[in-house]
C-alpha cells in the first residue's frame, strides 16, 4: 500500500493490577517512548474510581 492509501486505526491498551506494582510508571514510560516516535498518545486514568462510584463491584 502506498502512503496515500494507508489507514491508521487507534490502538487501545488497558493496564491493570494491584496497587503499588508500577502500573502508572509503566504507562507513563510507554507513552513517553511512543511520543518520541511521534505517535499520538492519550492516557485515561482513574477509570477504576469511576467504576466504583458508578456502583460496580470491587474484587
PDB file of N, CA and C in Angstrom:
ATOM      1  N   UNK A   1       0.824  -1.180   0.000  1.00  0.00           N
ATOM      2  CA  UNK A   1       0.000   0.000   0.000  1.00  0.00           C
ATOM      3  C   UNK A   1       0.871   1.248   0.000  1.00  0.00           C
ATOM      4  N   UNK A   2       0.473   2.204  -0.764  1.00  0.00           N
ATOM      5  CA  UNK A   2       1.216   3.458  -0.744  1.00  0.00           C
ATOM      6  C   UNK A   2       0.780   4.308   0.444  1.00  0.00           C
ATOM      7  N   UNK A   3       1.554   5.317   0.751  1.00  0.00           N
ATOM      8  CA  UNK A   3       1.251   6.184   1.896  1.00  0.00           C
ATOM      9  C   UNK A   3      -0.106   6.851   1.740  1.00  0.00           C
ATOM     10  N   UNK A   4      -0.539   7.108   0.506  1.00  0.00           N
ATOM     11  CA  UNK A   4      -1.830   7.770   0.283  1.00  0.00           C
ATOM     12  C   UNK A   4      -3.008   6.875   0.646  1.00  0.00           C
ATOM     13  N   UNK A   5      -2.818   5.565   0.607  1.00  0.00           N
ATOM     14  CA  UNK A   5      -3.909   4.630   0.862  1.00  0.00           C
ATOM     15  C   UNK A   5      -3.881   4.026   2.256  1.00  0.00           C
ATOM     16  N   UNK A   6      -2.934   4.448   3.096  1.00  0.00           N
ATOM     17  CA  UNK A   6      -2.807   3.848   4.421  1.00  0.00           C
ATOM     18  C   UNK A   6      -3.972   4.247   5.314  1.00  0.00           C
ATOM     19  N   UNK A   7      -4.395   3.297   6.117  1.00  0.00           N
ATOM     20  CA  UNK A   7      -5.451   3.540   7.092  1.00  0.00           C
ATOM     21  C   UNK A   7      -4.845   3.338   8.478  1.00  0.00           C
ATOM     22  N   UNK A   8      -5.022   4.327   9.329  1.00  0.00           N
ATOM     23  CA  UNK A   8      -4.485   4.248  10.673  1.00  0.00           C
ATOM     24  C   UNK A   8      -5.631   4.033  11.649  1.00  0.00           C
ATOM     25  N   UNK A   9      -5.536   2.997  12.430  1.00  0.00           N
ATOM     26  CA  UNK A   9      -6.565   2.689  13.422  1.00  0.00           C
ATOM     27  C   UNK A   9      -5.985   2.889  14.809  1.00  0.00           C
ATOM     28  N   UNK A  10      -6.789   3.425  15.723  1.00  0.00           N
ATOM     29  CA  UNK A  10      -6.281   3.588  17.089  1.00  0.00           C
ATOM     30  C   UNK A  10      -6.090   2.244  17.777  1.00  0.00           C
ATOM     31  N   UNK A  11      -5.156   2.203  18.675  1.00  0.00           N
ATOM     32  CA  UNK A  11      -4.890   1.017  19.482  1.00  0.00           C
ATOM     33  C   UNK A  11      -5.200   1.379  20.924  1.00  0.00           C
ATOM     34  N   UNK A  12      -5.918   0.516  21.597  1.00  0.00           N
ATOM     35  CA  UNK A  12      -6.248   0.732  22.998  1.00  0.00           C
ATOM     36  C   UNK A  12      -5.533  -0.309  23.834  1.00  0.00           C
ATOM     37  N   UNK A  13      -4.877   0.150  24.883  1.00  0.00           N
ATOM     38  CA  UNK A  13      -4.207  -0.758  25.804  1.00  0.00           C
ATOM     39  C   UNK A  13      -4.737  -0.495  27.198  1.00  0.00           C
ATOM     40  N   UNK A  14      -5.037  -1.537  27.919  1.00  0.00           N
ATOM     41  CA  UNK A  14      -5.502  -1.405  29.303  1.00  0.00           C
ATOM     42  C   UNK A  14      -4.467  -2.052  30.214  1.00  0.00           C
ATOM     43  N   UNK A  15      -4.148  -1.371  31.281  1.00  0.00           N
ATOM     44  CA  UNK A  15      -3.187  -1.873  32.254  1.00  0.00           C
ATOM     45  C   UNK A  15      -3.923  -2.012  33.581  1.00  0.00           C
ATOM     46  N   UNK A  16      -3.866  -3.184  34.170  1.00  0.00           N
ATOM     47  CA  UNK A  16      -4.486  -3.338  35.487  1.00  0.00           C
ATOM     48  C   UNK A  16      -3.579  -4.171  36.379  1.00  0.00           C
ATOM     49  N   UNK A  17      -3.863  -4.119  37.643  1.00  0.00           N
ATOM     50  CA  UNK A  17      -3.077  -4.866  38.611  1.00  0.00           C
ATOM     51  C   UNK A  17      -3.293  -4.289  39.995  1.00  0.00           C
ATOM     52  N   UNK A  18      -2.711  -4.929  40.959  1.00  0.00           N
ATOM     53  CA  UNK A  18      -2.873  -4.463  42.334  1.00  0.00           C
ATOM     54  C   UNK A  18      -2.104  -3.170  42.551  1.00  0.00           C
ATOM     55  N   UNK A  19      -2.377  -2.538  43.663  1.00  0.00           N
ATOM     56  CA  UNK A  19      -1.745  -1.257  43.964  1.00  0.00           C
ATOM     57  C   UNK A  19      -0.238  -1.415  44.147  1.00  0.00           C
ATOM     58  N   UNK A  20       0.460  -0.346  43.856  1.00  0.00           N
ATOM     59  CA  UNK A  20       1.922  -0.262  44.061  1.00  0.00           C
ATOM     60  C   UNK A  20       2.720  -1.296  43.274  1.00  0.00           C
ATOM     61  N   UNK A  21       2.273  -1.601  42.055  1.00  0.00           N
ATOM     62  CA  UNK A  21       3.007  -2.563  41.229  1.00  0.00           C
ATOM     63  C   UNK A  21       3.687  -1.914  40.033  1.00  0.00           C
ATOM     64  N   UNK A  22       3.570  -0.583  39.897  1.00  0.00           N
ATOM     65  CA  UNK A  22       4.258   0.124  38.820  1.00  0.00           C
ATOM     66  C   UNK A  22       3.424   0.373  37.582  1.00  0.00           C
ATOM     67  N   UNK A  23       2.113   0.267  37.685  1.00  0.00           N
ATOM     68  CA  UNK A  23       1.243   0.484  36.518  1.00  0.00           C
ATOM     69  C   UNK A  23       1.390   1.893  35.957  1.00  0.00           C
ATOM     70  N   UNK A  24       1.316   2.885  36.815  1.00  0.00           N
ATOM     71  CA  UNK A  24       1.414   4.268  36.364  1.00  0.00           C
ATOM     72  C   UNK A  24       2.792   4.551  35.788  1.00  0.00           C
ATOM     73  N   UNK A  25       3.827   4.069  36.437  1.00  0.00           N
ATOM     74  CA  UNK A  25       5.189   4.253  35.934  1.00  0.00           C
ATOM     75  C   UNK A  25       5.333   3.615  34.558  1.00  0.00           C
ATOM     76  N   UNK A  26       4.830   2.403  34.409  1.00  0.00           N
ATOM     77  CA  UNK A  26       4.913   1.697  33.131  1.00  0.00           C
ATOM     78  C   UNK A  26       4.204   2.466  32.027  1.00  0.00           C
ATOM     79  N   UNK A  27       2.967   2.869  32.281  1.00  0.00           N
ATOM     80  CA  UNK A  27       2.202   3.526  31.222  1.00  0.00           C
ATOM     81  C   UNK A  27       2.804   4.883  30.870  1.00  0.00           C
ATOM     82  N   UNK A  28       3.346   5.600  31.851  1.00  0.00           N
ATOM     83  CA  UNK A  28       3.988   6.886  31.558  1.00  0.00           C
ATOM     84  C   UNK A  28       5.252   6.699  30.723  1.00  0.00           C
ATOM     85  N   UNK A  29       6.040   5.680  31.036  1.00  0.00           N
ATOM     86  CA  UNK A  29       7.246   5.404  30.255  1.00  0.00           C
ATOM     87  C   UNK A  29       6.898   4.945  28.839  1.00  0.00           C
ATOM     88  N   UNK A  30       5.865   4.116  28.723  1.00  0.00           N
ATOM     89  CA  UNK A  30       5.414   3.676  27.404  1.00  0.00           C
ATOM     90  C   UNK A  30       4.936   4.871  26.577  1.00  0.00           C
ATOM     91  N   UNK A  31       4.142   5.732  27.185  1.00  0.00           N
ATOM     92  CA  UNK A  31       3.646   6.920  26.486  1.00  0.00           C
ATOM     93  C   UNK A  31       4.800   7.802  26.031  1.00  0.00           C
ATOM     94  N   UNK A  32       5.805   7.993  26.877  1.00  0.00           N
ATOM     95  CA  UNK A  32       6.969   8.800  26.504  1.00  0.00           C
ATOM     96  C   UNK A  32       7.697   8.203  25.297  1.00  0.00           C
ATOM     97  N   UNK A  33       7.881   6.888  25.303  1.00  0.00           N
ATOM     98  CA  UNK A  33       8.556   6.231  24.178  1.00  0.00           C
ATOM     99  C   UNK A  33       7.765   6.381  22.886  1.00  0.00           C
ATOM    100  N   UNK A  34       6.456   6.208  22.967  1.00  0.00           N
ATOM    101  CA  UNK A  34       5.624   6.345  21.769  1.00  0.00           C
ATOM    102  C   UNK A  34       5.640   7.779  21.254  1.00  0.00           C
ATOM    103  N   UNK A  35       5.573   8.737  22.161  1.00  0.00           N
ATOM    104  CA  UNK A  35       5.598  10.147  21.747  1.00  0.00           C
ATOM    105  C   UNK A  35       6.930  10.507  21.087  1.00  0.00           C
ATOM    106  N   UNK A  36       8.023   9.910  21.542  1.00  0.00           N
ATOM    107  CA  UNK A  36       9.330  10.153  20.904  1.00  0.00           C
ATOM    108  C   UNK A  36       9.318   9.722  19.447  1.00  0.00           C
ATOM    109  N   UNK A  37       8.516   8.704  19.146  1.00  0.00           N
ATOM    110  CA  UNK A  37       8.369   8.238  17.764  1.00  0.00           C
ATOM    111  C   UNK A  37       7.233   8.950  17.041  1.00  0.00           C
ATOM    112  N   UNK A  38       6.771  10.055  17.632  1.00  0.00           N
ATOM    113  CA  UNK A  38       5.705  10.898  17.065  1.00  0.00           C
ATOM    114  C   UNK A  38       4.392  10.149  16.916  1.00  0.00           C
ATOM    115  N   UNK A  39       4.123   9.281  17.871  1.00  0.00           N
ATOM    116  CA  UNK A  39       2.835   8.580  17.927  1.00  0.00           C
ATOM    117  C   UNK A  39       1.979   9.297  18.958  1.00  0.00           C
ATOM    118  N   UNK A  40       0.775   9.664  18.553  1.00  0.00           N
ATOM    119  CA  UNK A  40      -0.124  10.380  19.449  1.00  0.00           C
ATOM    120  C   UNK A  40      -0.630   9.438  20.539  1.00  0.00           C
ATOM    121  N   UNK A  41      -0.580   9.905  21.767  1.00  0.00           N
ATOM    122  CA  UNK A  41      -0.953   9.091  22.913  1.00  0.00           C
ATOM    123  C   UNK A  41      -1.931   9.865  23.790  1.00  0.00           C
ATOM    124  N   UNK A  42      -2.970   9.186  24.240  1.00  0.00           N
ATOM    125  CA  UNK A  42      -3.890   9.749  25.231  1.00  0.00           C
ATOM    126  C   UNK A  42      -3.952   8.773  26.392  1.00  0.00           C
ATOM    127  N   UNK A  43      -3.756   9.267  27.592  1.00  0.00           N
ATOM    128  CA  UNK A  43      -3.810   8.429  28.789  1.00  0.00           C
ATOM    129  C   UNK A  43      -5.084   8.776  29.545  1.00  0.00           C
ATOM    130  N   UNK A  44      -5.904   7.772  29.802  1.00  0.00           N
ATOM    131  CA  UNK A  44      -7.141   7.949  30.547  1.00  0.00           C
ATOM    132  C   UNK A  44      -6.941   7.241  31.879  1.00  0.00           C
ATOM    133  N   UNK A  45      -6.998   7.996  32.955  1.00  0.00           N
ATOM    134  CA  UNK A  45      -6.713   7.438  34.274  1.00  0.00           C
ATOM    135  C   UNK A  45      -7.964   7.407  35.149  1.00  0.00           C
ATOM    136  N   UNK A  46      -7.856   6.700  36.247  1.00  0.00           N
ATOM    137  CA  UNK A  46      -8.883   6.653  37.282  1.00  0.00           C
ATOM    138  C   UNK A  46     -10.206   6.055  36.835  1.00  0.00           C
ATOM    139  N   UNK A  47     -10.190   5.168  35.860  1.00  0.00           N
ATOM    140  CA  UNK A  47     -11.430   4.512  35.460  1.00  0.00           C
ATOM    141  C   UNK A  47     -11.945   3.600  36.567  1.00  0.00           C
ATOM    142  N   UNK A  48     -11.036   3.057  37.372  1.00  0.00           N
ATOM    143  CA  UNK A  48     -11.439   2.221  38.496  1.00  0.00           C
ATOM    144  C   UNK A  48     -12.252   3.003  39.500  1.00  0.00           C
ATOM    145  N   UNK A  49     -11.829   4.214  39.792  1.00  0.00           N
ATOM    146  CA  UNK A  49     -12.574   5.068  40.717  1.00  0.00           C
ATOM    147  C   UNK A  49     -13.944   5.384  40.136  1.00  0.00           C
ATOM    148  N   UNK A  50     -13.980   5.698  38.846  1.00  0.00           N
ATOM    149  CA  UNK A  50     -15.265   5.982  38.192  1.00  0.00           C
ATOM    150  C   UNK A  50     -16.193   4.770  38.272  1.00  0.00           C
ATOM    151  N   UNK A  51     -15.649   3.571  38.097  1.00  0.00           N
ATOM    152  CA  UNK A  51     -16.459   2.358  38.144  1.00  0.00           C
ATOM    153  C   UNK A  51     -17.041   2.146  39.532  1.00  0.00           C
ATOM    154  N   UNK A  52     -16.234   2.349  40.570  1.00  0.00           N
ATOM    155  CA  UNK A  52     -16.720   2.179  41.941  1.00  0.00           C
ATOM    156  C   UNK A  52     -17.805   3.210  42.244  1.00  0.00           C
ATOM    157  N   UNK A  53     -17.590   4.440  41.820  1.00  0.00           N
ATOM    158  CA  UNK A  53     -18.594   5.485  42.058  1.00  0.00           C
ATOM    159  C   UNK A  53     -19.891   5.198  41.301  1.00  0.00           C
ATOM    160  N   UNK A  54     -19.800   4.466  40.193  1.00  0.00           N
ATOM    161  CA  UNK A  54     -20.992   4.099  39.424  1.00  0.00           C
ATOM    162  C   UNK A  54     -21.692   2.886  40.023  1.00  0.00           C
ATOM    163  N   UNK A  55     -21.106   2.301  41.088  1.00  0.00           N
ATOM    164  CA  UNK A  55     -21.742   1.179  41.754  1.00  0.00           C
ATOM    165  C   UNK A  55     -21.294  -0.189  41.305  1.00  0.00           C
ATOM    166  N   UNK A  56     -20.264  -0.259  40.465  1.00  0.00           N
ATOM    167  CA  UNK A  56     -19.777  -1.566  40.041  1.00  0.00           C
ATOM    168  C   UNK A  56     -19.006  -2.213  41.199  1.00  0.00           C
ATOM    169  N   UNK A  57     -19.107  -3.523  41.327  1.00  0.00           N
ATOM    170  CA  UNK A  57     -18.447  -4.194  42.465  1.00  0.00           C
ATOM    171  C   UNK A  57     -16.936  -4.206  42.334  1.00  0.00           C
ATOM    172  N   UNK A  58     -16.256  -4.160  43.473  1.00  0.00           N
ATOM    173  CA  UNK A  58     -14.805  -4.289  43.520  1.00  0.00           C
ATOM    174  C   UNK A  58     -14.469  -5.731  43.869  1.00  0.00           C
ATOM    175  N   UNK A  59     -13.397  -6.230  43.337  1.00  0.00           N
ATOM    176  CA  UNK A  59     -12.976  -7.604  43.652  1.00  0.00           C
ATOM    177  C   UNK A  59     -11.865  -7.578  44.618  1.00  0.00           C
TER     178      UNK A  59
END
